[in-house]
Amino acid sequence: MRTLFFSAAVAIAATTAASSPAGAGLVTIGNSTARDCYEAAVARSADRNSFYHCDIALDQEALSRKDKAATLVNRGALYLRGHNYRSAGRDFNAALRTDSTNAEAWLNLAIISLQQGGSSDAMPMIEKSLTLNTVRQALAYYSRAIANERMGRVRAAYDDLQRAHSLAPDWREPTEDLKRYQVRRR
């Protein structure tokens, strides 16, 4: 039988990595301010010009329902990058009112919840993002690992960290967090 042990320096280091937004919604094709907003979210460029492009796209472009939701996620990711959780949450919730199947909006809402200490609140949002096949699978599993660890579900946290690591082997945080665990045979 194997038993899992881990070191206690958990929440602070893990929460820092989970504060990275799930990133851009979806690509908007063509030359448009919605495309510029998407590119700013991908580049993590949360300057005034980036917000301007997102605002113009949302206010003046004839976006499809999915593109509007994606643009809201992109602007929300920019707000989240600047730790403006209220505005980010407002955009992610607006994206979900526009398109409830937007996995990145669900994942970003979960990240906000984790940042504010809501592990049990974040869990259903993470699950929803995984069910909807988020493009940031590794981040979703990593976020779920943080939530599981905070709730005392050590084995589940370890399994999620391994999954995040296998999906993104070059991502430093899951790799480092896995080093805190030891699997021992009894």
N, C-alpha and C. Protein backbone atom coordinates (compact mmCIF):
# COMPACT_ATOMS: atom_id res chain seq x y z
N MET A 1 0.84 -1.18 0.00
CA MET A 1 0.00 0.00 0.00
C MET A 1 0.88 1.24 0.00
N ARG A 2 0.44 2.28 -0.69
CA ARG A 2 1.21 3.52 -0.75
C ARG A 2 0.48 4.60 0.03
N THR A 3 1.24 5.42 0.70
CA THR A 3 0.70 6.55 1.45
C THR A 3 1.32 7.81 0.90
N LEU A 4 0.55 8.84 0.87
CA LEU A 4 1.02 10.10 0.32
C LEU A 4 1.27 11.09 1.45
N PHE A 5 2.46 11.70 1.43
CA PHE A 5 2.81 12.74 2.39
C PHE A 5 3.18 13.99 1.61
N PHE A 6 2.94 15.13 2.19
CA PHE A 6 3.33 16.37 1.53
C PHE A 6 3.77 17.38 2.57
N SER A 7 4.53 18.35 2.11
CA SER A 7 4.96 19.41 3.02
C SER A 7 3.87 20.47 3.11
N ALA A 8 3.92 21.28 4.14
CA ALA A 8 2.81 22.18 4.44
C ALA A 8 2.86 23.54 3.77
N ALA A 9 3.88 23.88 3.04
CA ALA A 9 3.98 25.22 2.44
C ALA A 9 3.13 25.30 1.19
N VAL A 10 1.84 25.24 1.37
CA VAL A 10 0.92 25.02 0.26
C VAL A 10 0.34 26.28 -0.36
N ALA A 11 -0.56 26.89 0.33
CA ALA A 11 -1.51 27.82 -0.26
C ALA A 11 -0.87 29.04 -0.89
N ILE A 12 0.11 29.63 -0.27
CA ILE A 12 0.63 30.89 -0.79
C ILE A 12 1.32 30.69 -2.13
N ALA A 13 2.20 29.72 -2.23
CA ALA A 13 2.90 29.48 -3.50
C ALA A 13 1.92 29.04 -4.57
N ALA A 14 1.01 28.17 -4.22
CA ALA A 14 0.06 27.66 -5.19
C ALA A 14 -0.89 28.74 -5.67
N THR A 15 -1.33 29.59 -4.79
CA THR A 15 -2.27 30.63 -5.18
C THR A 15 -1.65 31.61 -6.15
N THR A 16 -0.37 31.87 -6.01
CA THR A 16 0.30 32.79 -6.92
C THR A 16 0.19 32.30 -8.36
N ALA A 17 0.44 31.03 -8.57
CA ALA A 17 0.37 30.50 -9.93
C ALA A 17 -1.06 30.47 -10.44
N ALA A 18 -2.00 30.19 -9.55
CA ALA A 18 -3.38 30.14 -9.98
C ALA A 18 -3.93 31.52 -10.28
N SER A 19 -3.21 32.56 -9.93
CA SER A 19 -3.69 33.89 -10.23
C SER A 19 -3.50 34.23 -11.71
N SER A 20 -2.75 33.40 -12.43
CA SER A 20 -2.61 33.63 -13.86
C SER A 20 -3.94 33.35 -14.52
N PRO A 21 -4.48 34.31 -15.25
CA PRO A 21 -5.75 34.09 -15.88
C PRO A 21 -5.69 32.93 -16.85
N ALA A 22 -6.83 32.32 -17.06
CA ALA A 22 -6.90 31.22 -18.01
C ALA A 22 -6.63 31.71 -19.42
N GLY A 23 -6.56 32.98 -19.59
CA GLY A 23 -6.13 33.51 -20.87
C GLY A 23 -7.27 33.85 -21.79
N ALA A 24 -6.91 33.98 -23.01
CA ALA A 24 -7.83 34.47 -24.00
C ALA A 24 -8.99 33.52 -24.22
N GLY A 25 -10.11 34.11 -24.64
CA GLY A 25 -11.30 33.33 -24.94
C GLY A 25 -11.10 32.51 -26.20
N LEU A 26 -11.40 33.08 -27.31
CA LEU A 26 -11.23 32.42 -28.59
C LEU A 26 -10.68 33.44 -29.57
N VAL A 27 -10.08 32.96 -30.61
CA VAL A 27 -9.53 33.85 -31.63
C VAL A 27 -10.67 34.43 -32.45
N THR A 28 -10.61 35.72 -32.67
CA THR A 28 -11.52 36.38 -33.59
C THR A 28 -10.73 36.62 -34.86
N ILE A 29 -11.22 36.07 -35.96
CA ILE A 29 -10.50 36.12 -37.22
C ILE A 29 -10.64 37.50 -37.86
N GLY A 30 -9.58 37.92 -38.57
CA GLY A 30 -9.63 39.17 -39.31
C GLY A 30 -8.97 40.30 -38.56
N ASN A 31 -9.01 41.47 -39.18
CA ASN A 31 -8.46 42.67 -38.55
C ASN A 31 -9.61 43.39 -37.87
N SER A 32 -9.60 43.37 -36.56
CA SER A 32 -10.66 44.02 -35.82
C SER A 32 -10.15 44.37 -34.44
N THR A 33 -10.90 45.21 -33.76
CA THR A 33 -10.51 45.53 -32.39
C THR A 33 -10.73 44.32 -31.48
N ALA A 34 -11.66 43.45 -31.83
CA ALA A 34 -11.84 42.22 -31.04
C ALA A 34 -10.58 41.35 -31.16
N ARG A 35 -10.03 41.30 -32.34
CA ARG A 35 -8.77 40.56 -32.54
C ARG A 35 -7.64 41.22 -31.73
N ASP A 36 -7.58 42.54 -31.74
CA ASP A 36 -6.56 43.25 -30.95
C ASP A 36 -6.74 42.97 -29.46
N CYS A 37 -7.97 42.90 -29.01
CA CYS A 37 -8.26 42.58 -27.61
C CYS A 37 -7.77 41.17 -27.29
N TYR A 38 -8.04 40.24 -28.19
CA TYR A 38 -7.58 38.85 -28.01
C TYR A 38 -6.05 38.82 -27.92
N GLU A 39 -5.38 39.50 -28.84
CA GLU A 39 -3.92 39.50 -28.85
C GLU A 39 -3.34 40.11 -27.58
N ALA A 40 -4.00 41.14 -27.05
CA ALA A 40 -3.55 41.74 -25.80
C ALA A 40 -3.69 40.75 -24.65
N ALA A 41 -4.79 39.99 -24.65
CA ALA A 41 -4.98 38.99 -23.59
C ALA A 41 -3.93 37.90 -23.68
N VAL A 42 -3.63 37.45 -24.89
CA VAL A 42 -2.61 36.43 -25.07
C VAL A 42 -1.24 36.95 -24.64
N ALA A 43 -0.95 38.20 -24.98
CA ALA A 43 0.34 38.80 -24.64
C ALA A 43 0.39 39.26 -23.18
N ARG A 44 -0.76 39.18 -22.51
CA ARG A 44 -0.88 39.63 -21.11
C ARG A 44 -0.50 41.11 -20.98
N SER A 45 -0.95 41.87 -21.95
CA SER A 45 -0.65 43.30 -22.01
C SER A 45 -1.87 44.08 -21.53
N ALA A 46 -1.90 44.38 -20.24
CA ALA A 46 -3.05 45.05 -19.65
C ALA A 46 -2.84 46.55 -19.55
N ASP A 47 -2.55 47.18 -20.69
CA ASP A 47 -2.38 48.63 -20.69
C ASP A 47 -3.68 49.29 -21.19
N ARG A 48 -3.71 50.60 -21.16
CA ARG A 48 -4.91 51.34 -21.57
C ARG A 48 -5.33 51.02 -22.99
N ASN A 49 -4.37 50.89 -23.87
CA ASN A 49 -4.66 50.60 -25.27
C ASN A 49 -5.36 49.25 -25.41
N SER A 50 -4.94 48.28 -24.63
CA SER A 50 -5.57 46.96 -24.68
C SER A 50 -7.02 47.03 -24.26
N PHE A 51 -7.28 47.72 -23.16
CA PHE A 51 -8.67 47.88 -22.70
C PHE A 51 -9.49 48.67 -23.72
N TYR A 52 -8.87 49.66 -24.33
CA TYR A 52 -9.55 50.46 -25.34
C TYR A 52 -10.04 49.56 -26.49
N HIS A 53 -9.18 48.69 -26.98
CA HIS A 53 -9.56 47.79 -28.07
C HIS A 53 -10.72 46.88 -27.65
N CYS A 54 -10.64 46.36 -26.44
CA CYS A 54 -11.72 45.49 -25.95
C CYS A 54 -13.03 46.27 -25.86
N ASP A 55 -12.96 47.46 -25.29
CA ASP A 55 -14.16 48.29 -25.13
C ASP A 55 -14.78 48.63 -26.47
N ILE A 56 -13.96 49.05 -27.43
CA ILE A 56 -14.46 49.39 -28.77
C ILE A 56 -15.10 48.17 -29.41
N ALA A 57 -14.45 47.03 -29.30
CA ALA A 57 -15.00 45.81 -29.90
C ALA A 57 -16.37 45.50 -29.32
N LEU A 58 -16.49 45.61 -28.01
CA LEU A 58 -17.76 45.28 -27.35
C LEU A 58 -18.84 46.33 -27.64
N ASP A 59 -18.44 47.58 -27.78
CA ASP A 59 -19.41 48.65 -27.99
C ASP A 59 -19.79 48.89 -29.45
N GLN A 60 -18.86 48.62 -30.37
CA GLN A 60 -19.10 49.06 -31.74
C GLN A 60 -19.07 47.96 -32.80
N GLU A 61 -18.48 46.82 -32.50
CA GLU A 61 -18.43 45.77 -33.51
C GLU A 61 -19.66 44.88 -33.43
N ALA A 62 -20.07 44.40 -34.59
CA ALA A 62 -21.19 43.47 -34.67
C ALA A 62 -20.63 42.06 -34.43
N LEU A 63 -20.51 41.69 -33.16
CA LEU A 63 -19.92 40.40 -32.80
C LEU A 63 -21.00 39.33 -32.68
N SER A 64 -20.66 38.12 -33.08
CA SER A 64 -21.55 37.00 -32.82
C SER A 64 -21.62 36.79 -31.31
N ARG A 65 -22.57 36.00 -30.88
CA ARG A 65 -22.71 35.70 -29.45
C ARG A 65 -21.43 35.10 -28.90
N LYS A 66 -20.84 34.16 -29.58
CA LYS A 66 -19.61 33.51 -29.12
C LYS A 66 -18.43 34.48 -29.11
N ASP A 67 -18.33 35.33 -30.15
CA ASP A 67 -17.24 36.31 -30.19
C ASP A 67 -17.39 37.37 -29.10
N LYS A 68 -18.63 37.75 -28.81
CA LYS A 68 -18.84 38.71 -27.73
C LYS A 68 -18.41 38.10 -26.40
N ALA A 69 -18.82 36.84 -26.16
CA ALA A 69 -18.42 36.16 -24.92
C ALA A 69 -16.90 36.04 -24.84
N ALA A 70 -16.28 35.68 -25.95
CA ALA A 70 -14.81 35.55 -25.98
C ALA A 70 -14.14 36.89 -25.71
N THR A 71 -14.67 37.96 -26.26
CA THR A 71 -14.09 39.29 -26.05
C THR A 71 -14.26 39.72 -24.59
N LEU A 72 -15.39 39.39 -23.99
CA LEU A 72 -15.59 39.66 -22.56
C LEU A 72 -14.58 38.88 -21.72
N VAL A 73 -14.32 37.64 -22.09
CA VAL A 73 -13.32 36.84 -21.38
C VAL A 73 -11.94 37.47 -21.55
N ASN A 74 -11.64 37.91 -22.75
CA ASN A 74 -10.34 38.54 -22.99
C ASN A 74 -10.16 39.79 -22.14
N ARG A 75 -11.17 40.65 -22.11
CA ARG A 75 -11.06 41.85 -21.29
C ARG A 75 -11.02 41.47 -19.80
N GLY A 76 -11.81 40.48 -19.42
CA GLY A 76 -11.78 40.01 -18.03
C GLY A 76 -10.41 39.49 -17.65
N ALA A 77 -9.75 38.80 -18.57
CA ALA A 77 -8.39 38.29 -18.30
C ALA A 77 -7.42 39.45 -18.08
N LEU A 78 -7.62 40.54 -18.81
CA LEU A 78 -6.77 41.72 -18.61
C LEU A 78 -7.02 42.32 -17.22
N TYR A 79 -8.29 42.41 -16.83
CA TYR A 79 -8.60 42.90 -15.48
C TYR A 79 -8.01 41.98 -14.42
N LEU A 80 -8.15 40.69 -14.63
CA LEU A 80 -7.62 39.72 -13.67
C LEU A 80 -6.11 39.84 -13.55
N ARG A 81 -5.47 40.07 -14.65
CA ARG A 81 -4.02 40.26 -14.67
C ARG A 81 -3.61 41.42 -13.75
N GLY A 82 -4.45 42.45 -13.70
CA GLY A 82 -4.18 43.59 -12.84
C GLY A 82 -4.80 43.46 -11.45
N HIS A 83 -5.26 42.28 -11.11
CA HIS A 83 -5.86 41.99 -9.80
C HIS A 83 -7.13 42.80 -9.54
N ASN A 84 -7.82 43.21 -10.58
CA ASN A 84 -9.09 43.89 -10.45
C ASN A 84 -10.19 42.82 -10.54
N TYR A 85 -10.38 42.11 -9.42
CA TYR A 85 -11.27 40.95 -9.39
C TYR A 85 -12.72 41.31 -9.65
N ARG A 86 -13.15 42.46 -9.17
CA ARG A 86 -14.55 42.86 -9.36
C ARG A 86 -14.86 43.04 -10.84
N SER A 87 -14.03 43.80 -11.54
CA SER A 87 -14.27 44.02 -12.98
C SER A 87 -14.08 42.74 -13.77
N ALA A 88 -13.09 41.96 -13.39
CA ALA A 88 -12.87 40.68 -14.08
C ALA A 88 -14.09 39.78 -13.90
N GLY A 89 -14.55 39.65 -12.67
CA GLY A 89 -15.72 38.82 -12.41
C GLY A 89 -16.94 39.29 -13.16
N ARG A 90 -17.11 40.61 -13.23
CA ARG A 90 -18.24 41.17 -13.98
C ARG A 90 -18.17 40.75 -15.44
N ASP A 91 -16.97 40.82 -16.05
CA ASP A 91 -16.83 40.42 -17.45
C ASP A 91 -17.04 38.91 -17.63
N PHE A 92 -16.50 38.09 -16.73
CA PHE A 92 -16.67 36.65 -16.88
C PHE A 92 -18.13 36.25 -16.72
N ASN A 93 -18.82 36.88 -15.77
CA ASN A 93 -20.25 36.60 -15.61
C ASN A 93 -21.05 37.07 -16.81
N ALA A 94 -20.69 38.23 -17.38
CA ALA A 94 -21.37 38.71 -18.59
C ALA A 94 -21.11 37.75 -19.76
N ALA A 95 -19.90 37.22 -19.83
CA ALA A 95 -19.59 36.24 -20.88
C ALA A 95 -20.46 35.01 -20.73
N LEU A 96 -20.65 34.56 -19.50
CA LEU A 96 -21.49 33.38 -19.27
C LEU A 96 -22.97 33.65 -19.53
N ARG A 97 -23.43 34.87 -19.29
CA ARG A 97 -24.81 35.22 -19.65
C ARG A 97 -24.97 35.23 -21.17
N THR A 98 -23.90 35.56 -21.87
CA THR A 98 -23.92 35.59 -23.33
C THR A 98 -23.76 34.19 -23.90
N ASP A 99 -22.88 33.40 -23.30
CA ASP A 99 -22.61 32.03 -23.77
C ASP A 99 -22.21 31.19 -22.56
N SER A 100 -23.15 30.45 -22.03
CA SER A 100 -22.90 29.66 -20.81
C SER A 100 -21.95 28.49 -21.04
N THR A 101 -21.57 28.25 -22.28
CA THR A 101 -20.64 27.16 -22.58
C THR A 101 -19.20 27.64 -22.74
N ASN A 102 -18.91 28.85 -22.33
CA ASN A 102 -17.55 29.39 -22.46
C ASN A 102 -16.70 28.86 -21.30
N ALA A 103 -15.91 27.85 -21.59
CA ALA A 103 -15.10 27.18 -20.56
C ALA A 103 -14.09 28.12 -19.90
N GLU A 104 -13.54 29.05 -20.67
CA GLU A 104 -12.52 29.94 -20.11
C GLU A 104 -13.13 30.91 -19.10
N ALA A 105 -14.37 31.32 -19.31
CA ALA A 105 -15.05 32.17 -18.32
C ALA A 105 -15.23 31.41 -17.01
N TRP A 106 -15.63 30.14 -17.10
CA TRP A 106 -15.79 29.32 -15.89
C TRP A 106 -14.46 29.18 -15.15
N LEU A 107 -13.40 28.89 -15.90
CA LEU A 107 -12.09 28.70 -15.26
C LEU A 107 -11.59 29.99 -14.62
N ASN A 108 -11.76 31.11 -15.29
CA ASN A 108 -11.32 32.37 -14.73
C ASN A 108 -12.12 32.76 -13.48
N LEU A 109 -13.41 32.47 -13.47
CA LEU A 109 -14.20 32.71 -12.25
C LEU A 109 -13.69 31.84 -11.10
N ALA A 110 -13.30 30.62 -11.41
CA ALA A 110 -12.73 29.74 -10.39
C ALA A 110 -11.42 30.30 -9.85
N ILE A 111 -10.61 30.85 -10.72
CA ILE A 111 -9.34 31.44 -10.29
C ILE A 111 -9.59 32.63 -9.36
N ILE A 112 -10.58 33.45 -9.70
CA ILE A 112 -10.93 34.55 -8.80
C ILE A 112 -11.35 34.01 -7.44
N SER A 113 -12.16 32.98 -7.45
CA SER A 113 -12.62 32.38 -6.19
C SER A 113 -11.45 31.84 -5.38
N LEU A 114 -10.50 31.18 -6.04
CA LEU A 114 -9.32 30.68 -5.35
C LEU A 114 -8.49 31.82 -4.77
N GLN A 115 -8.38 32.89 -5.52
CA GLN A 115 -7.62 34.05 -5.05
C GLN A 115 -8.24 34.64 -3.80
N GLN A 116 -9.55 34.50 -3.68
CA GLN A 116 -10.26 35.07 -2.54
C GLN A 116 -10.53 34.03 -1.46
N GLY A 117 -9.87 32.87 -1.57
CA GLY A 117 -9.95 31.85 -0.53
C GLY A 117 -11.11 30.89 -0.65
N GLY A 118 -11.84 30.92 -1.74
CA GLY A 118 -13.02 30.08 -1.90
C GLY A 118 -12.77 28.77 -2.59
N SER A 119 -12.08 27.85 -1.93
CA SER A 119 -11.75 26.58 -2.56
C SER A 119 -12.97 25.75 -2.91
N SER A 120 -13.90 25.62 -1.97
CA SER A 120 -15.09 24.81 -2.26
C SER A 120 -15.99 25.50 -3.28
N ASP A 121 -16.00 26.83 -3.29
CA ASP A 121 -16.77 27.57 -4.29
C ASP A 121 -16.15 27.41 -5.68
N ALA A 122 -14.84 27.33 -5.74
CA ALA A 122 -14.14 27.23 -7.03
C ALA A 122 -14.32 25.86 -7.69
N MET A 123 -14.48 24.84 -6.88
CA MET A 123 -14.49 23.47 -7.42
C MET A 123 -15.54 23.24 -8.52
N PRO A 124 -16.81 23.61 -8.33
CA PRO A 124 -17.77 23.36 -9.42
C PRO A 124 -17.46 24.15 -10.69
N MET A 125 -16.86 25.33 -10.53
CA MET A 125 -16.49 26.12 -11.71
C MET A 125 -15.34 25.46 -12.46
N ILE A 126 -14.40 24.91 -11.72
CA ILE A 126 -13.29 24.19 -12.35
C ILE A 126 -13.82 22.97 -13.08
N GLU A 127 -14.70 22.23 -12.41
CA GLU A 127 -15.29 21.03 -13.03
C GLU A 127 -16.03 21.39 -14.31
N LYS A 128 -16.77 22.50 -14.27
CA LYS A 128 -17.52 22.94 -15.45
C LYS A 128 -16.55 23.27 -16.58
N SER A 129 -15.44 23.95 -16.27
CA SER A 129 -14.48 24.30 -17.31
C SER A 129 -13.87 23.04 -17.93
N LEU A 130 -13.62 22.03 -17.11
CA LEU A 130 -13.07 20.78 -17.64
C LEU A 130 -14.11 20.04 -18.48
N THR A 131 -15.34 20.02 -18.02
CA THR A 131 -16.42 19.38 -18.78
C THR A 131 -16.60 20.05 -20.14
N LEU A 132 -16.45 21.37 -20.16
CA LEU A 132 -16.59 22.13 -21.41
C LEU A 132 -15.31 22.15 -22.22
N ASN A 133 -14.30 21.41 -21.76
CA ASN A 133 -13.05 21.24 -22.50
C ASN A 133 -12.26 22.54 -22.65
N THR A 134 -11.94 23.17 -21.52
CA THR A 134 -11.12 24.38 -21.54
C THR A 134 -9.84 24.16 -22.35
N VAL A 135 -9.40 25.20 -23.01
CA VAL A 135 -8.14 25.11 -23.74
C VAL A 135 -6.96 25.12 -22.78
N ARG A 136 -7.16 25.51 -21.54
CA ARG A 136 -6.10 25.56 -20.53
C ARG A 136 -6.30 24.40 -19.53
N GLN A 137 -6.26 23.19 -20.04
CA GLN A 137 -6.46 22.00 -19.21
C GLN A 137 -5.48 21.94 -18.05
N ALA A 138 -4.21 22.22 -18.31
CA ALA A 138 -3.20 22.13 -17.24
C ALA A 138 -3.53 23.11 -16.12
N LEU A 139 -3.93 24.33 -16.48
CA LEU A 139 -4.29 25.31 -15.47
C LEU A 139 -5.52 24.88 -14.69
N ALA A 140 -6.47 24.26 -15.36
CA ALA A 140 -7.67 23.78 -14.67
C ALA A 140 -7.30 22.69 -13.66
N TYR A 141 -6.48 21.74 -14.06
CA TYR A 141 -6.07 20.69 -13.12
C TYR A 141 -5.21 21.26 -11.98
N TYR A 142 -4.38 22.21 -12.30
CA TYR A 142 -3.57 22.84 -11.26
C TYR A 142 -4.45 23.59 -10.27
N SER A 143 -5.42 24.32 -10.79
CA SER A 143 -6.36 25.04 -9.91
C SER A 143 -7.14 24.07 -9.04
N ARG A 144 -7.56 22.96 -9.64
CA ARG A 144 -8.28 21.95 -8.86
C ARG A 144 -7.37 21.34 -7.80
N ALA A 145 -6.10 21.17 -8.11
CA ALA A 145 -5.15 20.67 -7.11
C ALA A 145 -5.07 21.62 -5.92
N ILE A 146 -5.01 22.92 -6.20
CA ILE A 146 -4.97 23.90 -5.11
C ILE A 146 -6.22 23.78 -4.24
N ALA A 147 -7.38 23.73 -4.89
CA ALA A 147 -8.63 23.62 -4.14
C ALA A 147 -8.67 22.33 -3.33
N ASN A 148 -8.28 21.23 -3.95
CA ASN A 148 -8.28 19.94 -3.23
C ASN A 148 -7.33 19.98 -2.04
N GLU A 149 -6.16 20.53 -2.23
CA GLU A 149 -5.18 20.58 -1.14
C GLU A 149 -5.70 21.42 0.02
N ARG A 150 -6.29 22.55 -0.29
CA ARG A 150 -6.84 23.41 0.77
C ARG A 150 -7.98 22.72 1.53
N MET A 151 -8.68 21.85 0.85
CA MET A 151 -9.79 21.15 1.49
C MET A 151 -9.35 19.84 2.15
N GLY A 152 -8.04 19.59 2.16
CA GLY A 152 -7.51 18.40 2.82
C GLY A 152 -7.56 17.13 2.00
N ARG A 153 -7.83 17.23 0.74
CA ARG A 153 -7.90 16.07 -0.15
C ARG A 153 -6.53 15.88 -0.81
N VAL A 154 -5.61 15.39 -0.03
CA VAL A 154 -4.21 15.32 -0.43
C VAL A 154 -4.02 14.44 -1.67
N ARG A 155 -4.61 13.26 -1.66
CA ARG A 155 -4.44 12.34 -2.80
C ARG A 155 -4.99 12.95 -4.09
N ALA A 156 -6.15 13.57 -4.02
CA ALA A 156 -6.75 14.20 -5.20
C ALA A 156 -5.87 15.35 -5.68
N ALA A 157 -5.33 16.12 -4.74
CA ALA A 157 -4.45 17.23 -5.10
C ALA A 157 -3.22 16.71 -5.83
N TYR A 158 -2.63 15.67 -5.29
CA TYR A 158 -1.44 15.07 -5.91
C TYR A 158 -1.75 14.57 -7.32
N ASP A 159 -2.87 13.88 -7.47
CA ASP A 159 -3.26 13.37 -8.79
C ASP A 159 -3.46 14.51 -9.79
N ASP A 160 -4.09 15.61 -9.33
CA ASP A 160 -4.30 16.75 -10.23
C ASP A 160 -2.99 17.44 -10.58
N LEU A 161 -2.07 17.54 -9.63
CA LEU A 161 -0.75 18.11 -9.94
C LEU A 161 -0.02 17.25 -10.97
N GLN A 162 -0.12 15.94 -10.81
CA GLN A 162 0.52 15.06 -11.81
C GLN A 162 -0.10 15.25 -13.18
N ARG A 163 -1.42 15.40 -13.21
CA ARG A 163 -2.11 15.59 -14.49
C ARG A 163 -1.69 16.93 -15.12
N ALA A 164 -1.64 17.98 -14.30
CA ALA A 164 -1.21 19.29 -14.81
C ALA A 164 0.21 19.20 -15.36
N HIS A 165 1.07 18.51 -14.61
CA HIS A 165 2.46 18.36 -15.05
C HIS A 165 2.55 17.58 -16.36
N SER A 166 1.76 16.53 -16.49
CA SER A 166 1.82 15.74 -17.72
C SER A 166 1.30 16.52 -18.92
N LEU A 167 0.33 17.41 -18.69
CA LEU A 167 -0.21 18.23 -19.77
C LEU A 167 0.72 19.39 -20.15
N ALA A 168 1.48 19.88 -19.18
CA ALA A 168 2.39 21.02 -19.42
C ALA A 168 3.70 20.76 -18.70
N PRO A 169 4.52 19.84 -19.21
CA PRO A 169 5.74 19.45 -18.50
C PRO A 169 6.75 20.57 -18.32
N ASP A 170 6.67 21.62 -19.11
CA ASP A 170 7.61 22.74 -18.98
C ASP A 170 7.11 23.83 -18.02
N TRP A 171 5.90 23.67 -17.51
CA TRP A 171 5.34 24.64 -16.59
C TRP A 171 5.93 24.41 -15.20
N ARG A 172 6.58 25.42 -14.67
CA ARG A 172 7.35 25.30 -13.44
C ARG A 172 6.51 24.98 -12.19
N GLU A 173 5.37 25.64 -12.01
CA GLU A 173 4.62 25.51 -10.76
C GLU A 173 4.19 24.08 -10.43
N PRO A 174 3.54 23.36 -11.34
CA PRO A 174 3.17 21.98 -10.97
C PRO A 174 4.39 21.11 -10.68
N THR A 175 5.45 21.31 -11.44
CA THR A 175 6.67 20.54 -11.22
C THR A 175 7.24 20.80 -9.83
N GLU A 176 7.31 22.06 -9.46
CA GLU A 176 7.82 22.42 -8.14
C GLU A 176 6.89 21.93 -7.03
N ASP A 177 5.60 22.08 -7.21
CA ASP A 177 4.65 21.64 -6.19
C ASP A 177 4.69 20.13 -5.99
N LEU A 178 4.92 19.39 -7.05
CA LEU A 178 5.02 17.92 -6.91
C LEU A 178 6.20 17.52 -6.02
N LYS A 179 7.22 18.34 -5.97
CA LYS A 179 8.39 18.03 -5.14
C LYS A 179 8.06 18.05 -3.65
N ARG A 180 6.95 18.69 -3.29
CA ARG A 180 6.55 18.74 -1.88
C ARG A 180 5.94 17.43 -1.41
N TYR A 181 5.62 16.55 -2.33
CA TYR A 181 4.95 15.29 -2.00
C TYR A 181 5.96 14.14 -1.98
N GLN A 182 5.68 13.18 -1.12
CA GLN A 182 6.45 11.94 -1.10
C GLN A 182 5.47 10.79 -1.06
N VAL A 183 5.69 9.83 -1.93
CA VAL A 183 4.86 8.63 -1.92
C VAL A 183 5.69 7.53 -1.25
N ARG A 184 5.13 6.96 -0.20
CA ARG A 184 5.83 5.91 0.56
C ARG A 184 5.01 4.64 0.55
N ARG A 185 5.72 3.54 0.46
CA ARG A 185 5.06 2.23 0.55
C ARG A 185 4.96 1.83 2.01
N ARG A 186 3.85 1.23 2.36
CA ARG A 186 3.67 0.74 3.74
C ARG A 186 3.81 -0.75 3.76
